[in-house]
Structure formats: C-alpha cells, structure tokens
Amino acid sequence: MQPDDHVCLCFRVSLRKINTYMNRENPPVASLISECLGAGTGCGWCVPYLKHLHRQHELGKGEPDIEGSADDYAHGRSRFRATGERDETSAEEHPGEPG
C-alpha cells in the first residue's frame, strides 16, 4: 500500500497517519492504535492489519507496510462485509512474520 492509502476504511485513517502515530506514541499494544482517529473501531476489517503493522513497528522493520494494492485491500473488505469471512490474504497470517 502507499502511505496515503486508507488502512481503516470506516474512518479514513491512512497508513501514513498510523505510522506517524506509532512513531510518536510507541503504543505497547496494537489495540491502542484505536486512539489514532478511531482506527479499528468500525467494521473490524482492519484490526488484523493494525496488529500486523504494530508487530512490524515493534520489530523495527523500517516503515511498517501492508503488501498489495489499495484496490485489492478494499475488495477484500467488501467481501468481508458481505460474508463476515476473511480470505487467505488477510494480515492474520503473513508468511515470514512472527505471530
């Protein structure tokens, strides 16, 4: 994703805003990212991605990122909202990432 793409689509919170928040506040747990404009408190789609970004931040992996395009991400969220299920590309399990 690009820095200005929205991670939290409900509240339009961009990857850049989330990374800035994590760099400034260094939240000890991923759930505190919700203090960044309510990220993760709407439909719940972005919660595993927020956890993934937080894990990258904790590991010092440079600028935390989400693989894939913003369009693919938005389509995944549309499927999630329609079915309540995530597909295999969700951030819950990223190959090579601890978790």
Protein backbone atom coordinates (compact mmCIF):
# COMPACT_ATOMS: atom_id res chain seq x y z
CA MET A 1 0.00 0.00 0.00
CA GLN A 2 1.01 3.59 -0.46
CA PRO A 3 1.41 5.90 2.57
CA ASP A 4 -1.78 7.85 1.85
CA ASP A 5 -3.95 4.77 1.23
CA HIS A 6 -6.53 4.14 3.92
CA VAL A 7 -5.99 1.21 6.27
CA CYS A 8 -9.13 1.96 8.29
CA LEU A 9 -11.74 2.47 5.60
CA CYS A 10 -14.54 3.27 8.06
CA PHE A 11 -12.77 6.32 9.48
CA ARG A 12 -10.41 7.01 6.55
CA VAL A 13 -7.20 6.57 8.56
CA SER A 14 -4.20 6.33 6.26
CA LEU A 15 -1.13 4.18 6.58
CA ARG A 16 0.90 7.40 6.98
CA LYS A 17 -1.25 8.54 9.94
CA ILE A 18 -0.95 5.16 11.63
CA ASN A 19 2.82 5.06 11.16
CA THR A 20 3.17 8.62 12.43
CA TYR A 21 1.06 7.75 15.47
CA MET A 22 3.15 4.64 16.22
CA ASN A 23 6.42 6.56 15.83
CA ARG A 24 5.19 9.34 18.12
CA GLU A 25 3.34 7.33 20.77
CA ASN A 26 5.07 3.92 20.55
CA PRO A 27 1.93 2.07 21.73
CA PRO A 28 2.77 -1.03 23.80
CA VAL A 29 -0.19 -2.96 22.33
CA ALA A 30 -1.87 -2.83 18.92
CA SER A 31 -5.28 -2.03 20.37
CA LEU A 32 -4.03 1.44 21.34
CA ILE A 33 -3.82 2.32 17.64
CA SER A 34 -7.56 2.96 18.04
CA GLU A 35 -6.53 6.27 19.62
CA CYS A 36 -5.41 7.31 16.13
CA LEU A 37 -8.69 8.70 14.81
CA GLY A 38 -10.65 5.61 15.85
CA ALA A 39 -8.74 3.19 13.62
CA GLY A 40 -10.08 -0.35 14.00
CA THR A 41 -13.25 0.56 15.89
CA GLY A 42 -15.70 0.39 12.98
CA CYS A 43 -16.37 -2.78 11.00
CA GLY A 44 -13.28 -4.62 12.27
CA TRP A 45 -11.78 -5.39 8.85
CA CYS A 46 -8.52 -3.55 9.56
CA VAL A 47 -7.85 -5.00 13.03
CA PRO A 48 -5.54 -7.83 11.84
CA TYR A 49 -3.74 -5.33 9.61
CA LEU A 50 -3.27 -2.95 12.54
CA LYS A 51 -1.83 -5.85 14.53
CA HIS A 52 0.48 -6.64 11.64
CA LEU A 53 1.66 -3.00 11.41
CA HIS A 54 2.18 -2.88 15.17
CA ARG A 55 4.22 -6.10 15.05
CA GLN A 56 6.41 -4.63 12.29
CA HIS A 57 6.84 -1.45 14.34
CA GLU A 58 7.86 -3.40 17.44
CA LEU A 59 10.43 -5.37 15.42
CA GLY A 60 11.90 -2.16 14.00
CA LYS A 61 11.33 -3.29 10.40
CA GLY A 62 11.62 0.19 8.94
CA GLU A 63 8.38 1.84 7.91
CA PRO A 64 5.56 -0.67 8.58
CA ASP A 65 3.62 -1.56 5.44
CA ILE A 66 0.84 -3.74 4.09
CA GLU A 67 1.56 -5.70 0.94
CA GLY A 68 -0.76 -5.34 -2.03
CA SER A 69 -2.71 -2.56 -3.65
CA ALA A 70 -5.32 -0.34 -2.07
CA ASP A 71 -7.87 -1.71 -4.57
CA ASP A 72 -7.21 -5.32 -3.53
CA TYR A 73 -7.46 -4.27 0.12
CA ALA A 74 -10.80 -2.50 -0.47
CA HIS A 75 -12.18 -5.50 -2.40
CA GLY A 76 -11.19 -7.78 0.49
CA ARG A 77 -13.07 -5.53 2.87
CA SER A 78 -16.15 -5.60 0.62
CA ARG A 79 -16.09 -9.41 0.68
CA PHE A 80 -15.62 -9.33 4.47
CA ARG A 81 -18.60 -7.04 4.93
CA ALA A 82 -20.76 -9.25 2.71
CA THR A 83 -19.75 -12.60 4.20
CA GLY A 84 -18.11 -11.88 7.56
CA GLU A 85 -15.19 -14.04 6.44
CA ARG A 86 -11.62 -13.21 5.56
CA ASP A 87 -9.73 -14.77 2.70
CA GLU A 88 -6.24 -16.24 2.82
CA THR A 89 -4.66 -12.86 2.01
CA SER A 90 -5.70 -11.21 5.26
CA ALA A 91 -2.98 -9.95 7.57
CA GLU A 92 -3.75 -12.51 10.26
CA GLU A 93 -1.08 -14.82 8.86
CA HIS A 94 1.81 -13.28 6.94
CA PRO A 95 4.46 -15.76 5.81
CA GLY A 96 7.77 -14.98 7.43
CA GLU A 97 6.26 -12.73 10.07
CA PRO A 98 6.16 -13.77 13.72
CA GLY A 99 2.74 -14.24 15.09
